[in-house]
Protein backbone atom coordinates (compact mmCIF):
# COMPACT_ATOMS: atom_id res chain seq x y z
CA MET A 1 -65.60 -96.95 171.67
CA ARG A 2 -62.92 -99.27 171.14
CA CYS A 3 -59.29 -97.58 170.17
CA ARG A 4 -57.08 -98.81 167.74
CA ILE A 5 -54.61 -101.21 169.33
CA LEU A 6 -51.01 -99.35 170.12
CA SER A 7 -47.88 -100.08 167.85
CA GLU A 8 -45.70 -99.69 170.56
CA VAL A 9 -46.04 -100.43 174.07
CA LEU A 10 -46.47 -97.23 176.09
CA TYR A 11 -43.45 -97.41 178.47
CA ARG A 12 -41.21 -97.88 175.41
CA LYS A 13 -43.10 -95.58 173.38
CA TRP A 14 -42.55 -92.85 176.40
CA ARG A 15 -39.60 -93.47 177.37
CA PRO A 16 -37.59 -90.29 178.66
CA GLY A 17 -35.25 -89.32 176.06
CA THR A 18 -33.50 -86.46 178.61
CA LEU A 19 -32.31 -86.48 182.07
CA THR A 20 -34.36 -83.63 182.75
CA ASP A 21 -37.63 -85.80 181.60
CA LEU A 22 -37.00 -88.45 184.06
CA VAL A 23 -39.61 -88.48 186.77
CA GLY A 24 -39.27 -88.36 190.30
CA GLN A 25 -35.54 -88.44 190.32
CA ASP A 26 -34.18 -84.71 190.40
CA HIS A 27 -31.23 -85.53 192.47
CA ILE A 28 -30.43 -87.97 190.04
CA SER A 29 -30.52 -85.96 186.58
CA LYS A 30 -28.88 -83.00 187.92
CA THR A 31 -25.83 -84.39 189.08
CA LEU A 32 -25.52 -86.44 185.84
CA ARG A 33 -25.97 -83.29 183.97
CA ASN A 34 -23.31 -81.29 185.74
CA ALA A 35 -20.86 -84.69 185.81
CA VAL A 36 -21.40 -84.23 182.04
CA ASP A 37 -21.41 -80.60 181.71
CA SER A 38 -18.33 -80.34 183.39
CA ASP A 39 -16.40 -83.42 181.39
CA ARG A 40 -16.48 -85.41 185.07
CA VAL A 41 -17.77 -88.55 184.32
CA SER A 42 -16.67 -91.19 186.29
CA HIS A 43 -15.58 -94.33 185.08
CA ALA A 44 -18.40 -96.61 186.53
CA TYR A 45 -21.97 -96.12 188.01
CA LEU A 46 -24.19 -97.89 190.08
CA PHE A 47 -27.97 -97.71 189.79
CA CYS A 48 -29.44 -99.08 192.60
CA GLY A 49 -33.33 -98.71 193.24
CA PRO A 50 -36.89 -100.34 192.99
CA ARG A 51 -38.03 -101.77 189.46
CA GLY A 52 -39.92 -99.18 187.41
CA THR A 53 -38.38 -96.35 189.00
CA GLY A 54 -35.74 -95.20 185.61
CA LYS A 55 -32.50 -97.12 186.03
CA THR A 56 -32.21 -98.42 182.60
CA SER A 57 -33.41 -95.35 181.19
CA THR A 58 -31.10 -93.03 182.82
CA ALA A 59 -28.07 -95.56 181.65
CA ARG A 60 -28.83 -94.83 178.14
CA ILE A 61 -29.65 -91.03 178.26
CA LEU A 62 -26.22 -90.58 179.79
CA ALA A 63 -24.63 -92.76 177.27
CA LYS A 64 -26.49 -90.66 174.60
CA ALA A 65 -24.89 -87.37 176.44
CA ILE A 66 -21.20 -88.72 176.66
CA ASN A 67 -21.27 -89.44 173.29
CA CYS A 68 -23.94 -86.19 172.03
CA GLU A 69 -21.86 -84.50 169.31
CA SER A 70 -23.72 -81.04 170.36
CA PRO A 71 -24.41 -81.41 174.13
CA ASN A 72 -26.53 -78.58 175.74
CA GLU A 73 -25.73 -77.92 179.77
CA GLY A 74 -25.18 -82.11 179.79
CA GLU A 75 -28.53 -82.95 177.94
CA PRO A 76 -28.19 -84.40 174.46
CA ASP A 77 -29.63 -82.70 171.48
CA ASN A 78 -31.32 -86.08 170.19
CA VAL A 79 -30.37 -85.04 166.78
CA CYS A 80 -26.88 -85.83 166.28
CA SER A 81 -26.12 -89.07 164.90
CA GLN A 82 -25.04 -90.54 167.79
CA CYS A 83 -28.33 -89.94 169.77
CA GLU A 84 -30.20 -91.43 166.89
CA ASP A 85 -28.22 -94.48 166.81
CA ILE A 86 -28.92 -95.39 170.58
CA ASN A 87 -32.75 -94.33 170.23
CA SER A 88 -32.88 -96.38 167.21
CA ALA A 89 -30.82 -99.50 169.47
CA ARG A 90 -28.58 -99.48 166.49
CA ALA A 91 -25.30 -98.23 168.44
CA LEU A 92 -22.43 -100.14 168.05
CA ASP A 93 -20.71 -98.63 171.08
CA LEU A 94 -23.62 -98.85 173.32
CA ILE A 95 -22.93 -102.73 174.73
CA GLU A 96 -26.27 -103.90 177.26
CA ILE A 97 -26.04 -107.03 178.94
CA ASP A 98 -28.27 -108.40 181.25
CA GLY A 99 -26.95 -109.72 184.33
CA ALA A 100 -29.38 -112.51 184.54
CA SER A 101 -28.89 -114.45 181.39
CA ASN A 102 -24.93 -113.84 181.08
CA ARG A 103 -23.73 -114.35 184.89
CA ARG A 104 -21.32 -116.90 184.46
CA ILE A 105 -17.28 -115.82 184.82
CA ALA A 106 -17.02 -117.06 181.34
CA ASP A 107 -19.74 -114.11 179.94
CA ILE A 108 -17.54 -111.66 182.11
CA ARG A 109 -14.19 -112.21 180.77
CA GLU A 110 -15.56 -111.85 177.33
CA LEU A 111 -16.70 -108.52 178.42
CA SER A 112 -13.11 -107.49 179.97
CA GLU A 113 -11.43 -108.47 176.92
CA LYS A 114 -13.87 -106.40 174.63
CA ILE A 115 -13.70 -103.55 176.50
CA HIS A 116 -10.44 -102.64 175.85
CA TYR A 117 -10.82 -102.37 171.88
CA SER A 118 -11.72 -98.48 171.14
CA PRO A 119 -14.69 -97.31 170.18
CA THR A 120 -15.89 -97.69 166.56
CA ASN A 121 -16.87 -94.23 166.33
CA ALA A 122 -18.23 -92.71 169.49
CA LYS A 123 -16.16 -91.06 172.24
CA LYS A 124 -17.00 -93.53 174.88
CA LYS A 125 -17.56 -97.15 174.84
CA VAL A 126 -20.19 -97.70 177.62
CA TYR A 127 -21.29 -101.08 178.67
CA ILE A 128 -24.55 -101.40 180.75
CA ILE A 129 -24.96 -104.51 182.92
CA ASP A 130 -28.65 -104.99 184.03
CA GLU A 131 -29.42 -107.01 187.05
CA VAL A 132 -25.70 -106.93 188.09
CA HIS A 133 -26.43 -108.39 191.38
CA MET A 134 -27.25 -111.57 189.36
CA LEU A 135 -23.77 -112.02 188.59
CA THR A 136 -21.98 -115.14 190.32
CA GLN A 137 -19.26 -114.24 193.06
CA GLU A 138 -16.62 -115.94 190.59
CA ALA A 139 -18.07 -112.94 187.26
CA PHE A 140 -17.76 -110.51 190.63
CA ASN A 141 -14.07 -111.49 191.27
CA ALA A 142 -13.63 -111.30 186.96
CA LEU A 143 -15.35 -107.70 187.26
CA LEU A 144 -12.95 -106.24 189.68
CA LYS A 145 -10.47 -106.41 187.69
CA THR A 146 -11.93 -104.06 184.68
CA LEU A 147 -13.13 -101.48 187.72
CA GLU A 148 -9.88 -101.40 189.14
CA GLU A 149 -8.03 -100.80 185.73
CA PRO A 150 -10.33 -99.30 183.42
CA PRO A 151 -9.45 -97.98 179.88
CA ALA A 152 -10.06 -94.05 179.49
CA HIS A 153 -12.58 -94.88 176.89
CA ALA A 154 -14.73 -97.12 178.07
CA VAL A 155 -17.42 -96.34 180.86
CA LEU A 156 -19.61 -98.83 182.89
CA ILE A 157 -22.70 -98.77 184.38
CA LEU A 158 -24.37 -101.06 186.74
CA ALA A 159 -28.52 -101.44 187.20
CA THR A 160 -29.45 -103.47 190.15
CA THR A 161 -32.50 -103.91 192.37
CA ASP A 162 -31.01 -105.86 195.35
CA VAL A 163 -27.63 -103.81 195.81
CA GLN A 164 -27.18 -106.15 198.97
CA LYS A 165 -26.34 -109.02 196.67
CA VAL A 166 -23.59 -106.84 195.09
CA PRO A 167 -20.19 -106.97 196.84
CA ALA A 168 -18.95 -104.52 198.41
CA THR A 169 -15.51 -104.15 196.57
CA ILE A 170 -17.57 -103.62 193.61
CA VAL A 171 -19.94 -100.94 195.33
CA SER A 172 -16.80 -99.02 196.51
CA ARG A 173 -15.61 -98.79 193.29
CA CYS A 174 -18.46 -96.98 191.13
CA GLN A 175 -20.36 -93.97 191.84
CA ARG A 176 -23.66 -94.66 193.25
CA PHE A 177 -27.19 -93.55 192.74
CA ASP A 178 -30.66 -94.61 194.63
CA PHE A 179 -33.07 -94.35 192.90
CA LYS A 180 -36.18 -93.50 194.53
CA ARG A 181 -40.06 -95.17 194.10
CA ILE A 182 -42.01 -91.95 192.44
CA SER A 183 -44.68 -90.66 194.39
CA ILE A 184 -48.45 -90.85 193.78
CA ASP A 185 -48.64 -87.16 192.25
CA SER A 186 -45.64 -87.91 189.53
CA ILE A 187 -46.89 -90.83 188.42
CA SER A 188 -50.59 -89.24 187.67
CA ASP A 189 -49.31 -86.31 186.38
CA LYS A 190 -47.11 -88.85 184.08
CA LEU A 191 -50.02 -90.98 182.93
CA GLN A 192 -52.59 -87.53 182.86
CA LEU A 193 -49.54 -86.48 179.78
CA LEU A 194 -49.61 -90.08 178.42
CA CYS A 195 -53.63 -90.08 178.19
CA ASN A 196 -53.65 -86.79 176.15
CA SER A 197 -51.00 -87.99 173.85
CA GLU A 198 -52.66 -91.01 173.27
CA LYS A 199 -56.03 -89.17 172.79
CA VAL A 200 -57.27 -90.97 175.55
CA THR A 201 -60.06 -89.40 178.43
CA ILE A 202 -59.51 -90.52 181.98
CA SER A 203 -60.66 -88.89 185.14
CA SER A 204 -58.18 -87.81 188.01
CA GLU A 205 -59.53 -90.53 190.23
CA ALA A 206 -59.24 -93.45 187.94
CA LEU A 207 -55.12 -92.23 187.85
CA ASP A 208 -54.65 -91.94 191.26
CA LEU A 209 -55.74 -95.74 191.66
CA ILE A 210 -53.84 -96.64 188.72
CA ALA A 211 -50.91 -94.76 190.52
CA ARG A 212 -51.77 -96.40 193.71
CA LYS A 213 -51.78 -99.99 192.59
CA SER A 214 -48.33 -99.45 191.04
CA THR A 215 -46.69 -99.12 194.47
CA GLY A 216 -43.97 -96.12 193.05
CA SER A 217 -43.01 -98.27 189.79
CA LEU A 218 -43.68 -95.51 186.29
CA ARG A 219 -43.39 -98.87 184.46
CA ASP A 220 -46.19 -100.61 186.21
CA ALA A 221 -48.41 -97.74 186.44
CA GLU A 222 -48.13 -97.22 182.22
CA ASN A 223 -48.72 -101.13 181.56
CA PHE A 224 -51.62 -100.94 183.97
CA LEU A 225 -52.86 -97.84 181.96
CA GLU A 226 -52.25 -99.90 178.36
CA GLN A 227 -53.89 -102.93 179.72
CA ALA A 228 -57.02 -100.61 180.60
CA ILE A 229 -56.92 -98.66 177.50
CA VAL A 230 -57.26 -102.15 175.62
CA SER A 231 -60.14 -103.19 177.99
CA PHE A 232 -62.55 -100.54 178.09
CA GLY A 233 -61.47 -98.15 174.81
CA SER A 234 -60.51 -94.27 174.80
CA GLU A 235 -62.68 -93.38 177.93
CA ILE A 236 -61.94 -95.00 181.29
CA THR A 237 -63.87 -94.67 184.22
CA LEU A 238 -63.14 -95.05 188.63
CA ASP A 239 -66.04 -98.15 187.89
CA ASN A 240 -63.94 -99.98 185.06
CA LEU A 241 -60.73 -99.49 186.81
CA LEU A 242 -62.60 -100.60 190.13
CA GLU A 243 -63.80 -103.48 187.99
CA PHE A 244 -59.92 -103.68 186.46
CA PHE A 245 -58.35 -104.06 189.81
CA ASN A 246 -60.94 -106.45 191.16
CA ILE A 247 -61.13 -103.73 194.05
CA ASP A 248 -64.41 -105.16 195.61
CA ASP A 249 -62.86 -108.28 196.26
CA ASN A 250 -59.44 -107.18 197.80
CA GLN A 251 -61.62 -105.54 200.28
CA PHE A 252 -63.50 -108.19 201.96
CA PRO A 253 -60.28 -108.58 204.04
CA ILE A 254 -61.09 -105.28 205.48
CA GLN A 255 -64.36 -105.84 206.12
CA ILE A 256 -63.62 -109.45 208.39
CA ILE A 257 -61.74 -106.05 210.18
CA ILE A 258 -64.28 -104.33 210.79
CA LYS A 259 -67.12 -107.41 211.79
CA ILE A 260 -64.58 -108.18 214.33
CA VAL A 261 -64.34 -104.60 215.92
CA GLU A 262 -68.32 -104.32 215.39
CA SER A 263 -67.67 -107.35 217.90
CA ASP A 264 -69.68 -109.49 215.60
CA LEU A 265 -67.44 -112.90 215.10
CA LYS A 266 -69.87 -114.74 213.72
CA ALA A 267 -69.92 -112.19 210.44
CA ALA A 268 -65.97 -112.34 210.19
CA LEU A 269 -65.79 -115.98 210.10
CA THR A 270 -68.73 -116.54 208.01
CA LEU A 271 -66.97 -114.01 205.54
CA LEU A 272 -63.40 -115.78 205.52
CA ALA A 273 -65.39 -119.34 204.77
CA ASP A 274 -67.31 -117.30 202.08
CA SER A 275 -64.11 -116.01 200.49
CA TYR A 276 -62.49 -119.03 200.61
CA GLN A 277 -65.22 -121.25 199.18
CA ASP A 278 -65.40 -118.87 196.23
CA GLY A 279 -61.20 -119.74 195.59
CA LYS A 280 -59.37 -117.43 197.34
CA ASP A 281 -55.61 -118.62 198.48
CA ALA A 282 -55.82 -118.78 202.16
CA ASP A 283 -52.22 -117.45 202.30
CA GLN A 284 -52.69 -114.39 200.43
CA ILE A 285 -56.28 -113.50 202.44
CA LEU A 286 -53.79 -113.49 205.48
CA LEU A 287 -51.38 -111.23 203.84
CA ASN A 288 -53.99 -109.18 202.88
CA MET A 289 -55.04 -108.98 206.76
CA ILE A 290 -51.52 -108.27 208.15
CA GLU A 291 -50.82 -105.33 205.63
CA ILE A 292 -54.12 -103.87 206.25
CA SER A 293 -52.98 -104.20 209.91
CA ARG A 294 -50.14 -102.07 208.79
CA THR A 295 -52.10 -99.40 207.43
CA LEU A 296 -54.14 -99.16 210.23
CA ILE A 297 -51.45 -98.31 212.45
CA LEU A 298 -50.18 -95.80 209.92
CA VAL A 299 -53.23 -94.41 209.52
CA LYS A 300 -53.68 -94.14 213.62
CA SER A 301 -50.52 -92.55 213.93
CA LYS A 302 -51.28 -89.77 210.92
CA ALA A 303 -48.44 -91.46 208.81
CA ILE A 304 -50.49 -91.41 205.64
CA SER A 305 -53.35 -89.69 204.11
CA GLU A 306 -56.14 -90.44 201.59
CA LYS A 307 -54.65 -89.29 199.09
CA ASP A 308 -52.53 -92.68 199.49
CA LEU A 309 -55.48 -94.80 200.37
CA GLY A 310 -58.54 -93.89 198.40
CA GLU A 311 -61.08 -92.44 199.48
CA SER A 312 -63.59 -95.03 200.47
CA VAL A 313 -60.15 -97.25 201.81
CA TRP A 314 -59.31 -94.49 204.22
CA ASP A 315 -63.10 -93.85 205.35
CA SER A 316 -63.28 -97.47 206.25
CA LEU A 317 -59.67 -97.99 207.81
CA SER A 318 -59.78 -94.26 209.64
CA SER A 319 -63.21 -95.29 211.20
CA VAL A 320 -61.95 -98.82 212.54
CA ALA A 321 -58.08 -96.66 213.94
CA ALA A 322 -60.72 -94.39 215.56
CA LYS A 323 -62.49 -96.99 217.57
CA LEU A 324 -59.18 -98.75 218.76
CA GLU A 325 -55.97 -97.88 220.81
CA MET A 326 -52.53 -98.23 219.04
CA SER A 327 -51.68 -101.24 220.79
CA ASP A 328 -54.74 -102.90 219.88
CA LEU A 329 -53.85 -102.00 216.28
CA VAL A 330 -50.08 -103.23 217.53
CA ASN A 331 -51.32 -106.70 219.12
CA MET A 332 -53.62 -106.93 215.99
CA ALA A 333 -50.80 -106.96 213.33
CA LYS A 334 -48.10 -109.29 216.26
CA VAL A 335 -50.98 -112.45 215.94
CA LEU A 336 -51.85 -111.90 212.70
CA SER A 337 -48.08 -111.97 212.05
CA ASP A 338 -47.81 -115.21 214.03
CA ALA A 339 -50.66 -117.07 212.28
CA GLN A 340 -48.40 -116.81 209.19
CA LYS A 341 -46.14 -118.89 210.85
CA GLN A 342 -48.18 -121.45 211.61
CA HIS A 343 -49.51 -124.44 209.82
CA SER A 344 -52.65 -126.52 208.97
CA VAL A 345 -54.46 -129.53 207.36
CA THR A 346 -57.01 -126.70 206.91
CA PRO A 347 -55.72 -123.80 205.33
CA THR A 348 -57.77 -121.19 206.92
CA PHE A 349 -57.33 -122.37 210.90
CA PRO A 350 -54.76 -119.87 211.22
CA ILE A 351 -56.40 -117.19 210.16
CA GLU A 352 -59.68 -118.14 212.20
CA VAL A 353 -57.53 -118.82 215.38
CA ALA A 354 -56.18 -114.91 214.55
CA ILE A 355 -59.48 -113.56 213.91
CA ALA A 356 -61.14 -115.30 217.31
CA ASP A 357 -57.90 -114.27 219.14
CA ILE A 358 -57.99 -110.80 218.01
CA PHE A 359 -61.95 -110.58 218.82
CA THR A 360 -61.53 -112.30 222.33
CA THR A 361 -58.77 -109.73 223.30
CA LEU A 362 -60.32 -106.68 222.14
CA MET A 363 -63.45 -107.54 224.04
CA THR A 364 -61.52 -107.89 227.11
CA ASP A 365 -60.08 -104.37 226.48
CA SER A 366 -63.49 -103.25 225.87
CA GLY A 367 -64.45 -100.37 228.08
CA THR A 368 -68.10 -101.58 229.06
CA GLU A 369 -68.83 -101.91 232.43
CA VAL A 370 -71.43 -103.53 234.38
CA LYS A 371 -72.41 -103.88 238.24
CA THR A 372 -71.99 -107.35 238.80
CA LYS A 373 -71.94 -109.32 242.37
CA THR A 374 -69.27 -111.42 243.17
CA ILE A 375 -69.98 -113.66 246.26
CA VAL A 376 -68.41 -116.24 248.38
CA GLU A 377 -71.31 -117.88 249.97
CA SER A 378 -70.70 -118.66 253.95
CA PRO A 379 -72.97 -121.50 255.54
CA LYS A 380 -76.04 -119.79 257.55
CA THR A 381 -74.64 -115.95 256.77
CA LYS A 382 -76.10 -112.86 255.93
CA ILE A 383 -73.58 -111.21 253.31
CA GLU A 384 -72.29 -107.93 253.93
CA PRO A 385 -71.06 -105.26 251.17
CA LYS A 386 -68.11 -104.86 253.73
CA HIS A 387 -64.21 -105.11 253.15
CA VAL A 388 -62.46 -106.80 256.00
CA THR A 389 -58.49 -108.62 255.92
CA PRO A 390 -58.40 -112.60 254.54
CA THR A 391 -57.47 -115.09 256.71
CA SER A 392 -54.95 -117.19 255.44
CA GLY A 393 -56.03 -119.73 252.66
CA SER A 394 -59.05 -118.07 251.56
CA SER A 395 -59.20 -118.56 247.97
CA LEU A 396 -61.90 -118.48 245.44
CA PRO A 397 -65.08 -120.31 245.00
CA THR A 398 -65.23 -123.24 242.66
CA THR A 399 -68.62 -122.11 241.13
CA PRO A 400 -70.15 -118.49 241.03
CA THR A 401 -73.53 -118.46 242.86
CA ALA A 402 -75.83 -117.25 240.12
CA LYS A 403 -78.54 -115.52 242.23
CA PRO A 404 -77.70 -115.37 245.40
CA VAL A 405 -79.96 -115.48 248.54
CA LEU A 406 -78.55 -112.90 251.82
CA LYS A 407 -78.88 -114.57 255.08
CA GLU A 408 -78.05 -113.16 258.37
CA SER A 409 -74.18 -112.94 259.19
CA ASP A 410 -72.17 -114.07 261.65
CA LYS A 411 -71.26 -111.73 264.23
CA ASN A 412 -67.78 -113.35 264.81
CA PRO A 413 -65.34 -110.65 263.84
CA GLU A 414 -62.32 -113.09 262.96
CA LYS A 415 -64.26 -115.11 260.20
CA PRO A 416 -63.36 -113.36 257.07
CA GLU A 417 -66.85 -111.82 255.69
CA PRO A 418 -67.24 -112.22 251.43
CA VAL A 419 -66.82 -108.34 249.31
CA ILE A 420 -69.44 -107.70 247.07
CA SER A 421 -67.33 -105.32 244.08
CA ASN A 422 -68.31 -103.47 241.16
CA SER A 423 -66.08 -105.10 237.91
CA PRO A 424 -66.50 -105.20 234.54
CA LEU A 425 -68.71 -107.80 232.26
CA VAL A 426 -67.48 -108.91 229.30
CA ASN A 427 -69.59 -109.79 226.69
CA SER A 428 -68.25 -112.85 223.98
CA ALA A 429 -70.54 -113.69 220.87
CA ASP A 430 -73.39 -115.16 222.87
CA ASP A 431 -72.37 -115.66 226.96
CA THR A 432 -71.48 -113.12 229.58
CA THR A 433 -68.82 -113.71 231.87
CA ILE A 434 -68.49 -112.14 235.52
CA SER A 435 -65.01 -111.55 236.99
CA THR A 436 -63.98 -113.11 240.34
CA THR A 437 -62.74 -111.16 243.09
CA TYR A 438 -61.83 -113.38 246.22
CA GLY A 439 -60.57 -112.28 249.91
CA SER A 440 -59.83 -108.60 251.12
CA THR A 441 -57.95 -106.74 248.07
CA GLY A 442 -57.30 -103.65 249.85
CA ASP A 443 -56.20 -101.02 247.30
CA LEU A 444 -56.31 -103.53 244.36
CA ASP A 445 -59.52 -102.74 243.39
CA SER A 446 -59.06 -98.82 243.28
CA LYS A 447 -55.75 -98.56 241.82
CA TRP A 448 -56.50 -101.71 239.02
CA ASN A 449 -57.22 -99.50 236.37
CA ASP A 450 -54.84 -96.84 237.42
CA ILE A 451 -52.01 -99.95 236.95
CA LEU A 452 -53.91 -101.00 233.49
CA LYS A 453 -52.85 -97.80 232.52
CA SER A 454 -49.29 -97.35 233.59
CA LEU A 455 -48.96 -100.38 231.72
CA ARG A 456 -50.61 -99.41 228.26
CA LYS A 457 -47.18 -99.66 226.28
CA THR A 458 -45.58 -102.33 228.08
CA GLY A 459 -44.79 -105.96 226.54
CA SER A 460 -42.66 -108.08 224.77
CA ARG A 461 -44.93 -109.72 222.03
CA PHE A 462 -48.68 -108.88 223.66
CA ASN A 463 -49.71 -105.66 225.85
CA LEU A 464 -49.33 -106.36 229.30
CA ALA A 465 -52.50 -104.08 230.18
CA ALA A 466 -54.51 -105.75 227.23
CA LEU A 467 -53.58 -109.24 228.94
CA LEU A 468 -54.42 -108.24 232.48
CA ARG A 469 -57.84 -107.11 231.91
CA GLY A 470 -58.36 -110.46 230.16
CA CYS A 471 -58.39 -112.05 234.22
CA HIS A 472 -61.54 -113.16 235.46
CA GLY A 473 -60.44 -113.16 239.46
CA LYS A 474 -57.74 -111.15 240.99
CA GLY A 475 -56.89 -110.86 245.15
CA ILE A 476 -54.50 -110.69 247.33
CA ASN A 477 -53.17 -113.97 249.06
CA GLY A 478 -50.66 -112.74 251.78
CA ASP A 479 -47.87 -111.26 249.80
CA SER A 480 -48.91 -112.59 246.17
CA ILE A 481 -50.83 -111.15 243.78
CA VAL A 482 -53.36 -114.23 242.57
CA LEU A 483 -54.88 -113.39 239.19
CA LYS A 484 -57.09 -116.29 237.99
CA PHE A 485 -58.17 -117.05 234.40
CA LYS A 486 -61.09 -118.21 232.28
CA HIS A 487 -58.86 -119.33 228.98
CA VAL A 488 -55.48 -121.11 229.11
CA SER A 489 -54.39 -119.33 225.77
CA HIS A 490 -54.47 -116.32 227.95
CA MET A 491 -53.13 -117.25 230.83
CA GLU A 492 -50.14 -118.60 228.89
CA ARG A 493 -49.16 -115.53 227.05
CA LEU A 494 -49.41 -113.71 230.18
CA LYS A 495 -46.81 -116.15 231.73
CA THR A 496 -44.79 -115.90 228.28
CA GLU A 497 -44.64 -111.89 228.73
CA LEU A 498 -43.92 -112.33 232.12
CA ASP A 499 -40.93 -114.25 231.52
CA ASN A 500 -38.93 -111.85 229.88
CA PRO A 501 -37.26 -109.93 232.77
CA THR A 502 -37.82 -106.24 230.98
CA VAL A 503 -41.74 -106.83 231.48
CA SER A 504 -41.83 -108.61 234.73
CA ALA A 505 -39.61 -105.90 236.61
CA GLU A 506 -42.02 -103.07 234.58
CA LEU A 507 -44.85 -104.67 236.32
CA ASN A 508 -43.68 -105.30 239.53
CA LYS A 509 -42.50 -101.85 240.05
CA VAL A 510 -45.92 -100.24 238.91
CA ILE A 511 -47.50 -102.70 241.65
CA GLN A 512 -45.44 -101.35 244.10
CA ASP A 513 -45.72 -98.01 243.23
CA MET A 514 -49.72 -98.19 243.61
CA LEU A 515 -49.30 -100.32 246.54
CA ALA A 516 -46.89 -99.07 248.68
CA LYS A 517 -45.67 -102.47 248.75
CA GLU A 518 -43.78 -105.45 247.12
CA TYR A 519 -45.50 -108.22 245.76
CA LYS A 520 -45.07 -111.61 243.72
CA ILE A 521 -47.44 -112.66 240.89
CA GLN A 522 -49.11 -116.17 241.01
CA ILE A 523 -51.31 -117.08 238.07
CA GLU A 524 -53.92 -120.11 238.10
CA LEU A 525 -56.55 -120.98 235.82
CA LEU A 526 -60.09 -120.93 237.30
CA ASP A 527 -61.08 -124.44 238.84
CA ASP A 528 -64.23 -124.69 236.93
CA ASN A 529 -62.52 -124.38 233.65
CA ARG A 530 -58.82 -126.46 234.38
CA ASN A 531 -60.24 -129.53 233.29
CA ASP A 532 -62.40 -128.23 230.41
CA ASN A 533 -59.05 -126.57 228.76
CA GLN A 534 -57.08 -129.79 229.89
CA SER A 535 -56.44 -132.09 226.65
CA PRO A 536 -56.37 -135.56 227.32
CA SER A 537 -52.14 -135.55 227.69
CA GLN A 538 -52.86 -132.81 230.41
CA LYS A 539 -54.81 -134.38 232.11
CA SER A 540 -51.80 -137.68 232.72
CA HIS A 541 -50.35 -138.13 235.91
CA LEU A 542 -47.26 -138.43 234.66
CA VAL A 543 -47.56 -134.87 232.78
CA LYS A 544 -49.16 -133.28 236.17
CA THR A 545 -46.20 -134.70 238.20
CA VAL A 546 -43.94 -132.79 235.54
CA GLN A 547 -46.01 -129.61 235.81
CA ALA A 548 -45.43 -130.10 239.54
CA LEU A 549 -41.76 -130.12 239.35
CA GLY A 550 -41.67 -126.76 237.31
CA GLY A 551 -42.06 -127.94 233.49
CA ARG A 552 -44.18 -126.44 231.10
CA ILE A 553 -45.76 -127.80 228.14
CA VAL A 554 -44.83 -126.21 224.62
CA GLU A 555 -46.30 -127.91 222.18
CA GLU A 556 -48.34 -131.14 222.04
CA ARG A 557 -48.00 -132.85 218.42
CA GLY A 558 -51.28 -135.23 217.61
CA LYS A 559 -50.12 -139.28 217.17
């Protein structure tokens, strides 16, 4: 059944009439009631806060309370002629000015001239300047004189959603009140009262959804409710509102992140491609994913509850948060935020790179361990699982042997014998990469996990422990610990982190504490991947010469 068309919008029809009726602003209503009741009304007030929190409504109620013929403990009675004139918008001594459209110095000069005229039939002449931050600097200067020497019969109430743009000289001459965002519970309760008055049936879950979508703005919540009434009639269900807010479409970024965590990179990229093909804006998709990464951090730290997100979203995100460490979530947020700064001819390209980046980091950070053998070939020798001290100049094999054949070992004790070690196996989408170790690592293998644990919270942009887990070869060469990487991006990220003196010092300290010796860190690219990861310009002899002299490629641009 369709309900009748409302004669007046809800937020105007049910605007609060007294200070007590204000929702979620008890700290302000109590102070203003006391000021009116004790006849200590200031000459200027500054109301600041988010939209839809009651700033203009409070200003009008204060104007009524000041001029009310029979105030009751600081509250207007709403029956005297002054209150009725203000309620019906015909009061001559209440002047409302829109700061956005009357922002010039001429407009404020006109106000300054007229403010000196006595009220027509009220005790005080009240000026409400809404969106006062929109005034020009010259207009603020003109207003300053009026605030410094106000007439006794005038009260100015300034309202703004951006107090940072209001000059300090103006703020210091007003009594400032900061309006808070209204809680979900308070908005739901208020909406329930409106529905009862309008004879609308709606579930508490549906009201909570509207309250969450309004992000602390009661006016937005009332507008959402009114649109729902017009769309679905006097009986509104949760399914109606899910359709109204397009919730199913808005949840696909959560599904992308879930697929990444489930190690299904193909499904994640397919979801992104399908949503873009369906007409969704790439920038909005990225913004949604950034917001989800922020929410995951809040869920992991238990800073929000199911009430704040709703049951379905809470179940999805809490499940994801339980599978990841806080460092993984922080890295996800950083990668997505960095993607927002990138520009590409293909709008979804920065998102695709970010998804692949997060996927790779999570995979290299996974706890899956598989016993693998790393072999250094030695002609006519039998390989024994034995640790010995390496000779100088020992190096990684250029091509790992997939199926090594064990031969009889040379009994010469001075020749370095290869090491067979257990190391983590990292599974990507379709291939398997075996970690490579060379030389004799001494305590490095046994202490490696302890080193990573000590560095879990270290890093300026990226998590240092996660980056170190991404190395595909590690070993000790003299006084250096050599880390080899398969991917240039992982290697460059580690170099970027170690360029930070704080991060570098922390890594050196942990290594020295664990291995009882000071080592230098040497970062290299695996030989069999070096050329594959180089662009044509990087293979240039001139570029290689510059790199040999200490230069680094910062950015490559196409022709």
